[in-house]
């Protein structure tokens, strides 16, 4: 619990940055993000842990990719 409390502000900050960047992209990109959320929520509602885990992992990796899209390394 303590680790979760310590990480919470950092996770929220990352989510806010990712969301603000997504909102600056074309509507088609926003639709992809929303579609990813729907898949995760539907898996949770149907109590399909494997699909929920896989879908959430994919969403996080996609979010990371979107966040750095267009950034030269």
PDB file of N, CA and C in Angstrom:
ATOM      1  N   UNK A   1       0.826  -1.199   0.000  1.00  0.00           N
ATOM      2  CA  UNK A   1       0.000   0.000   0.000  1.00  0.00           C
ATOM      3  C   UNK A   1       0.870   1.262   0.000  1.00  0.00           C
ATOM      4  N   UNK A   2       1.932   1.238   0.771  1.00  0.00           N
ATOM      5  CA  UNK A   2       2.772   2.424   0.865  1.00  0.00           C
ATOM      6  C   UNK A   2       3.416   2.743  -0.489  1.00  0.00           C
ATOM      7  N   UNK A   3       3.851   1.712  -1.190  1.00  0.00           N
ATOM      8  CA  UNK A   3       4.464   1.912  -2.504  1.00  0.00           C
ATOM      9  C   UNK A   3       3.437   2.507  -3.467  1.00  0.00           C
ATOM     10  N   UNK A   4       2.208   2.010  -3.420  1.00  0.00           N
ATOM     11  CA  UNK A   4       1.149   2.549  -4.271  1.00  0.00           C
ATOM     12  C   UNK A   4       0.916   4.029  -3.983  1.00  0.00           C
ATOM     13  N   UNK A   5       0.884   4.377  -2.718  1.00  0.00           N
ATOM     14  CA  UNK A   5       0.689   5.800  -2.349  1.00  0.00           C
ATOM     15  C   UNK A   5       1.843   6.661  -2.840  1.00  0.00           C
ATOM     16  N   UNK A   6       3.043   6.129  -2.769  1.00  0.00           N
ATOM     17  CA  UNK A   6       4.216   6.891  -3.207  1.00  0.00           C
ATOM     18  C   UNK A   6       4.233   7.066  -4.728  1.00  0.00           C
ATOM     19  N   UNK A   7       3.803   6.040  -5.455  1.00  0.00           N
ATOM     20  CA  UNK A   7       3.843   6.087  -6.912  1.00  0.00           C
ATOM     21  C   UNK A   7       2.657   6.827  -7.521  1.00  0.00           C
ATOM     22  N   UNK A   8       1.561   6.923  -6.793  1.00  0.00           N
ATOM     23  CA  UNK A   8       0.325   7.498  -7.324  1.00  0.00           C
ATOM     24  C   UNK A   8       0.520   8.857  -7.998  1.00  0.00           C
ATOM     25  N   UNK A   9       1.191   9.840  -7.375  1.00  0.00           N
ATOM     26  CA  UNK A   9       1.334  11.144  -8.041  1.00  0.00           C
ATOM     27  C   UNK A   9       2.107  11.049  -9.357  1.00  0.00           C
ATOM     28  N   UNK A  10       3.071  10.154  -9.413  1.00  0.00           N
ATOM     29  CA  UNK A  10       3.878  10.002 -10.617  1.00  0.00           C
ATOM     30  C   UNK A  10       3.073   9.338 -11.737  1.00  0.00           C
ATOM     31  N   UNK A  11       2.291   8.340 -11.367  1.00  0.00           N
ATOM     32  CA  UNK A  11       1.436   7.667 -12.354  1.00  0.00           C
ATOM     33  C   UNK A  11       0.405   8.660 -12.889  1.00  0.00           C
ATOM     34  N   UNK A  12      -0.218   9.418 -12.004  1.00  0.00           N
ATOM     35  CA  UNK A  12      -1.216  10.400 -12.434  1.00  0.00           C
ATOM     36  C   UNK A  12      -0.599  11.464 -13.338  1.00  0.00           C
ATOM     37  N   UNK A  13       0.596  11.903 -13.011  1.00  0.00           N
ATOM     38  CA  UNK A  13       1.269  12.897 -13.862  1.00  0.00           C
ATOM     39  C   UNK A  13       1.524  12.333 -15.250  1.00  0.00           C
ATOM     40  N   UNK A  14       1.992  11.104 -15.320  1.00  0.00           N
ATOM     41  CA  UNK A  14       2.224  10.461 -16.615  1.00  0.00           C
ATOM     42  C   UNK A  14       0.945  10.306 -17.405  1.00  0.00           C
ATOM     43  N   UNK A  15      -0.123   9.931 -16.731  1.00  0.00           N
ATOM     44  CA  UNK A  15      -1.413   9.791 -17.402  1.00  0.00           C
ATOM     45  C   UNK A  15      -1.893  11.139 -17.935  1.00  0.00           C
ATOM     46  N   UNK A  16      -1.703  12.188 -17.156  1.00  0.00           N
ATOM     47  CA  UNK A  16      -2.126  13.523 -17.597  1.00  0.00           C
ATOM     48  C   UNK A  16      -1.329  13.998 -18.805  1.00  0.00           C
ATOM     49  N   UNK A  17      -0.037  13.750 -18.812  1.00  0.00           N
ATOM     50  CA  UNK A  17       0.793  14.129 -19.957  1.00  0.00           C
ATOM     51  C   UNK A  17       0.354  13.354 -21.191  1.00  0.00           C
ATOM     52  N   UNK A  18       0.182  12.056 -21.027  1.00  0.00           N
ATOM     53  CA  UNK A  18      -0.235  11.220 -22.145  1.00  0.00           C
ATOM     54  C   UNK A  18      -1.587  11.665 -22.689  1.00  0.00           C
ATOM     55  N   UNK A  19      -2.525  11.954 -21.797  1.00  0.00           N
ATOM     56  CA  UNK A  19      -3.858  12.375 -22.225  1.00  0.00           C
ATOM     57  C   UNK A  19      -3.807  13.706 -22.953  1.00  0.00           C
ATOM     58  N   UNK A  20      -3.036  14.650 -22.437  1.00  0.00           N
ATOM     59  CA  UNK A  20      -2.972  15.965 -23.087  1.00  0.00           C
ATOM     60  C   UNK A  20      -2.330  15.858 -24.474  1.00  0.00           C
ATOM     61  N   UNK A  21      -1.354  14.982 -24.618  1.00  0.00           N
ATOM     62  CA  UNK A  21      -0.741  14.780 -25.930  1.00  0.00           C
ATOM     63  C   UNK A  21      -1.720  14.108 -26.885  1.00  0.00           C
ATOM     64  N   UNK A  22      -2.476  13.142 -26.382  1.00  0.00           N
ATOM     65  CA  UNK A  22      -3.461  12.453 -27.212  1.00  0.00           C
ATOM     66  C   UNK A  22      -4.508  13.426 -27.724  1.00  0.00           C
ATOM     67  N   UNK A  23      -4.942  14.342 -26.877  1.00  0.00           N
ATOM     68  CA  UNK A  23      -5.984  15.294 -27.266  1.00  0.00           C
ATOM     69  C   UNK A  23      -5.508  16.255 -28.353  1.00  0.00           C
ATOM     70  N   UNK A  24      -4.203  16.374 -28.546  1.00  0.00           N
ATOM     71  CA  UNK A  24      -3.659  17.248 -29.584  1.00  0.00           C
ATOM     72  C   UNK A  24      -3.501  16.528 -30.918  1.00  0.00           C
ATOM     73  N   UNK A  25      -3.778  15.253 -30.926  1.00  0.00           N
ATOM     74  CA  UNK A  25      -3.652  14.448 -32.141  1.00  0.00           C
ATOM     75  C   UNK A  25      -4.983  14.412 -32.888  1.00  0.00           C
ATOM     76  N   UNK A  26      -4.955  13.903 -34.109  1.00  0.00           N
ATOM     77  CA  UNK A  26      -6.201  13.807 -34.882  1.00  0.00           C
ATOM     78  C   UNK A  26      -7.248  12.940 -34.165  1.00  0.00           C
ATOM     79  N   UNK A  27      -8.504  13.154 -34.521  1.00  0.00           N
ATOM     80  CA  UNK A  27      -9.598  12.428 -33.892  1.00  0.00           C
ATOM     81  C   UNK A  27      -9.444  10.916 -34.051  1.00  0.00           C
ATOM     82  N   UNK A  28      -8.853  10.475 -35.146  1.00  0.00           N
ATOM     83  CA  UNK A  28      -8.664   9.030 -35.354  1.00  0.00           C
ATOM     84  C   UNK A  28      -7.762   8.437 -34.266  1.00  0.00           C
ATOM     85  N   UNK A  29      -6.784   9.197 -33.818  1.00  0.00           N
ATOM     86  CA  UNK A  29      -5.912   8.722 -32.736  1.00  0.00           C
ATOM     87  C   UNK A  29      -6.686   8.623 -31.429  1.00  0.00           C
ATOM     88  N   UNK A  30      -7.522   9.616 -31.181  1.00  0.00           N
ATOM     89  CA  UNK A  30      -8.341   9.597 -29.974  1.00  0.00           C
ATOM     90  C   UNK A  30      -9.280   8.393 -29.990  1.00  0.00           C
ATOM     91  N   UNK A  31      -9.834   8.075 -31.150  1.00  0.00           N
ATOM     92  CA  UNK A  31     -10.731   6.923 -31.284  1.00  0.00           C
ATOM     93  C   UNK A  31      -9.985   5.634 -30.954  1.00  0.00           C
ATOM     94  N   UNK A  32      -8.727   5.504 -31.387  1.00  0.00           N
ATOM     95  CA  UNK A  32      -7.936   4.302 -31.083  1.00  0.00           C
ATOM     96  C   UNK A  32      -7.759   4.132 -29.574  1.00  0.00           C
ATOM     97  N   UNK A  33      -7.477   5.233 -28.888  1.00  0.00           N
ATOM     98  CA  UNK A  33      -7.302   5.189 -27.436  1.00  0.00           C
ATOM     99  C   UNK A  33      -8.608   4.763 -26.770  1.00  0.00           C
ATOM    100  N   UNK A  34      -9.701   5.363 -27.197  1.00  0.00           N
ATOM    101  CA  UNK A  34     -11.004   5.019 -26.623  1.00  0.00           C
ATOM    102  C   UNK A  34     -11.343   3.555 -26.878  1.00  0.00           C
ATOM    103  N   UNK A  35     -11.037   3.071 -28.072  1.00  0.00           N
ATOM    104  CA  UNK A  35     -11.284   1.662 -28.393  1.00  0.00           C
ATOM    105  C   UNK A  35     -10.478   0.733 -27.476  1.00  0.00           C
ATOM    106  N   UNK A  36      -9.239   1.118 -27.193  1.00  0.00           N
ATOM    107  CA  UNK A  36      -8.413   0.324 -26.279  1.00  0.00           C
ATOM    108  C   UNK A  36      -9.056   0.279 -24.897  1.00  0.00           C
ATOM    109  N   UNK A  37      -9.573   1.410 -24.447  1.00  0.00           N
ATOM    110  CA  UNK A  37     -10.239   1.457 -23.140  1.00  0.00           C
ATOM    111  C   UNK A  37     -11.462   0.550 -23.114  1.00  0.00           C
ATOM    112  N   UNK A  38     -12.237   0.565 -24.185  1.00  0.00           N
ATOM    113  CA  UNK A  38     -13.436  -0.268 -24.260  1.00  0.00           C
ATOM    114  C   UNK A  38     -13.078  -1.749 -24.121  1.00  0.00           C
ATOM    115  N   UNK A  39     -12.033  -2.170 -24.805  1.00  0.00           N
ATOM    116  CA  UNK A  39     -11.622  -3.582 -24.736  1.00  0.00           C
ATOM    117  C   UNK A  39     -11.254  -3.960 -23.304  1.00  0.00           C
ATOM    118  N   UNK A  40     -10.514  -3.088 -22.625  1.00  0.00           N
ATOM    119  CA  UNK A  40     -10.113  -3.366 -21.240  1.00  0.00           C
ATOM    120  C   UNK A  40     -11.344  -3.449 -20.344  1.00  0.00           C
ATOM    121  N   UNK A  41     -12.219  -2.468 -20.440  1.00  0.00           N
ATOM    122  CA  UNK A  41     -13.413  -2.433 -19.583  1.00  0.00           C
ATOM    123  C   UNK A  41     -14.302  -3.649 -19.837  1.00  0.00           C
ATOM    124  N   UNK A  42     -14.506  -3.998 -21.089  1.00  0.00           N
ATOM    125  CA  UNK A  42     -15.343  -5.161 -21.406  1.00  0.00           C
ATOM    126  C   UNK A  42     -14.742  -6.455 -20.853  1.00  0.00           C
ATOM    127  N   UNK A  43     -13.435  -6.570 -20.915  1.00  0.00           N
ATOM    128  CA  UNK A  43     -12.779  -7.762 -20.363  1.00  0.00           C
ATOM    129  C   UNK A  43     -12.965  -7.822 -18.847  1.00  0.00           C
ATOM    130  N   UNK A  44     -12.839  -6.669 -18.197  1.00  0.00           N
ATOM    131  CA  UNK A  44     -13.033  -6.630 -16.739  1.00  0.00           C
ATOM    132  C   UNK A  44     -14.480  -6.979 -16.400  1.00  0.00           C
ATOM    133  N   UNK A  45     -15.417  -6.389 -17.122  1.00  0.00           N
ATOM    134  CA  UNK A  45     -16.847  -6.674 -16.869  1.00  0.00           C
ATOM    135  C   UNK A  45     -17.175  -8.145 -17.038  1.00  0.00           C
ATOM    136  N   UNK A  46     -16.540  -8.782 -18.007  1.00  0.00           N
ATOM    137  CA  UNK A  46     -16.820 -10.203 -18.246  1.00  0.00           C
ATOM    138  C   UNK A  46     -15.943 -11.109 -17.386  1.00  0.00           C
ATOM    139  N   UNK A  47     -15.147 -10.490 -16.519  1.00  0.00           N
ATOM    140  CA  UNK A  47     -14.268 -11.221 -15.594  1.00  0.00           C
ATOM    141  C   UNK A  47     -13.251 -12.106 -16.332  1.00  0.00           C
ATOM    142  N   UNK A  48     -12.793 -11.586 -17.465  1.00  0.00           N
ATOM    143  CA  UNK A  48     -11.796 -12.293 -18.274  1.00  0.00           C
ATOM    144  C   UNK A  48     -10.425 -11.700 -17.945  1.00  0.00           C
ATOM    145  N   UNK A  49      -9.805 -12.256 -16.939  1.00  0.00           N
ATOM    146  CA  UNK A  49      -8.544 -11.712 -16.434  1.00  0.00           C
ATOM    147  C   UNK A  49      -7.437 -11.743 -17.479  1.00  0.00           C
ATOM    148  N   UNK A  50      -7.369 -12.808 -18.254  1.00  0.00           N
ATOM    149  CA  UNK A  50      -6.304 -12.914 -19.255  1.00  0.00           C
ATOM    150  C   UNK A  50      -6.429 -11.811 -20.310  1.00  0.00           C
ATOM    151  N   UNK A  51      -7.637 -11.622 -20.827  1.00  0.00           N
ATOM    152  CA  UNK A  51      -7.844 -10.581 -21.840  1.00  0.00           C
ATOM    153  C   UNK A  51      -7.650  -9.198 -21.234  1.00  0.00           C
ATOM    154  N   UNK A  52      -8.124  -8.996 -20.011  1.00  0.00           N
ATOM    155  CA  UNK A  52      -7.947  -7.696 -19.349  1.00  0.00           C
ATOM    156  C   UNK A  52      -6.465  -7.380 -19.180  1.00  0.00           C
ATOM    157  N   UNK A  53      -5.699  -8.373 -18.758  1.00  0.00           N
ATOM    158  CA  UNK A  53      -4.261  -8.185 -18.557  1.00  0.00           C
ATOM    159  C   UNK A  53      -3.563  -7.887 -19.876  1.00  0.00           C
ATOM    160  N   UNK A  54      -3.841  -8.693 -20.872  1.00  0.00           N
ATOM    161  CA  UNK A  54      -3.218  -8.506 -22.188  1.00  0.00           C
ATOM    162  C   UNK A  54      -3.609  -7.162 -22.793  1.00  0.00           C
ATOM    163  N   UNK A  55      -4.877  -6.816 -22.695  1.00  0.00           N
ATOM    164  CA  UNK A  55      -5.369  -5.561 -23.278  1.00  0.00           C
ATOM    165  C   UNK A  55      -4.789  -4.346 -22.560  1.00  0.00           C
ATOM    166  N   UNK A  56      -4.691  -4.422 -21.240  1.00  0.00           N
ATOM    167  CA  UNK A  56      -4.133  -3.294 -20.490  1.00  0.00           C
ATOM    168  C   UNK A  56      -2.650  -3.137 -20.784  1.00  0.00           C
ATOM    169  N   UNK A  57      -1.950  -4.253 -20.862  1.00  0.00           N
ATOM    170  CA  UNK A  57      -0.519  -4.203 -21.186  1.00  0.00           C
ATOM    171  C   UNK A  57      -0.314  -3.579 -22.571  1.00  0.00           C
ATOM    172  N   UNK A  58      -1.123  -3.995 -23.516  1.00  0.00           N
ATOM    173  CA  UNK A  58      -1.055  -3.446 -24.871  1.00  0.00           C
ATOM    174  C   UNK A  58      -1.364  -1.953 -24.865  1.00  0.00           C
ATOM    175  N   UNK A  59      -2.384  -1.566 -24.112  1.00  0.00           N
ATOM    176  CA  UNK A  59      -2.756  -0.151 -24.036  1.00  0.00           C
ATOM    177  C   UNK A  59      -1.607   0.688 -23.467  1.00  0.00           C
ATOM    178  N   UNK A  60      -0.977   0.201 -22.418  1.00  0.00           N
ATOM    179  CA  UNK A  60       0.135   0.942 -21.805  1.00  0.00           C
ATOM    180  C   UNK A  60       1.304   1.057 -22.780  1.00  0.00           C
ATOM    181  N   UNK A  61       1.627  -0.020 -23.469  1.00  0.00           N
ATOM    182  CA  UNK A  61       2.712   0.032 -24.456  1.00  0.00           C
ATOM    183  C   UNK A  61       2.359   0.978 -25.608  1.00  0.00           C
ATOM    184  N   UNK A  62       1.107   0.930 -26.056  1.00  0.00           N
ATOM    185  CA  UNK A  62       0.671   1.845 -27.115  1.00  0.00           C
ATOM    186  C   UNK A  62       0.725   3.294 -26.642  1.00  0.00           C
ATOM    187  N   UNK A  63       0.325   3.538 -25.400  1.00  0.00           N
ATOM    188  CA  UNK A  63       0.365   4.894 -24.845  1.00  0.00           C
ATOM    189  C   UNK A  63       1.802   5.412 -24.800  1.00  0.00           C
ATOM    190  N   UNK A  64       2.712   4.546 -24.404  1.00  0.00           N
ATOM    191  CA  UNK A  64       4.124   4.950 -24.368  1.00  0.00           C
ATOM    192  C   UNK A  64       4.608   5.284 -25.779  1.00  0.00           C
ATOM    193  N   UNK A  65       4.227   4.461 -26.724  1.00  0.00           N
ATOM    194  CA  UNK A  65       4.611   4.717 -28.114  1.00  0.00           C
ATOM    195  C   UNK A  65       4.014   6.047 -28.593  1.00  0.00           C
ATOM    196  N   UNK A  66       2.742   6.260 -28.316  1.00  0.00           N
ATOM    197  CA  UNK A  66       2.092   7.508 -28.739  1.00  0.00           C
ATOM    198  C   UNK A  66       2.737   8.727 -28.096  1.00  0.00           C
ATOM    199  N   UNK A  67       3.135   8.574 -26.827  1.00  0.00           N
ATOM    200  CA  UNK A  67       3.723   9.695 -26.105  1.00  0.00           C
ATOM    201  C   UNK A  67       5.020  10.169 -26.770  1.00  0.00           C
ATOM    202  N   UNK A  68       5.788   9.227 -27.290  1.00  0.00           N
ATOM    203  CA  UNK A  68       7.087   9.580 -27.877  1.00  0.00           C
ATOM    204  C   UNK A  68       7.082   9.595 -29.400  1.00  0.00           C
ATOM    205  N   UNK A  69       5.916   9.419 -29.980  1.00  0.00           N
ATOM    206  CA  UNK A  69       5.790   9.442 -31.431  1.00  0.00           C
ATOM    207  C   UNK A  69       6.252  10.801 -31.970  1.00  0.00           C
ATOM    208  N   UNK A  70       7.149  10.762 -32.929  1.00  0.00           N
ATOM    209  CA  UNK A  70       7.635  11.999 -33.526  1.00  0.00           C
ATOM    210  C   UNK A  70       8.803  12.627 -32.777  1.00  0.00           C
ATOM    211  N   UNK A  71       9.228  11.992 -31.669  1.00  0.00           N
ATOM    212  CA  UNK A  71      10.353  12.518 -30.905  1.00  0.00           C
ATOM    213  C   UNK A  71      11.616  11.800 -31.391  1.00  0.00           C
ATOM    214  N   UNK A  72      12.591  12.583 -31.828  1.00  0.00           N
ATOM    215  CA  UNK A  72      13.857  11.991 -32.265  1.00  0.00           C
ATOM    216  C   UNK A  72      14.657  11.568 -31.051  1.00  0.00           C
ATOM    217  N   UNK A  73      15.304  10.411 -31.168  1.00  0.00           N
ATOM    218  CA  UNK A  73      16.112   9.927 -30.046  1.00  0.00           C
ATOM    219  C   UNK A  73      17.545  10.342 -30.172  1.00  0.00           C
TER     220      UNK A  73
END
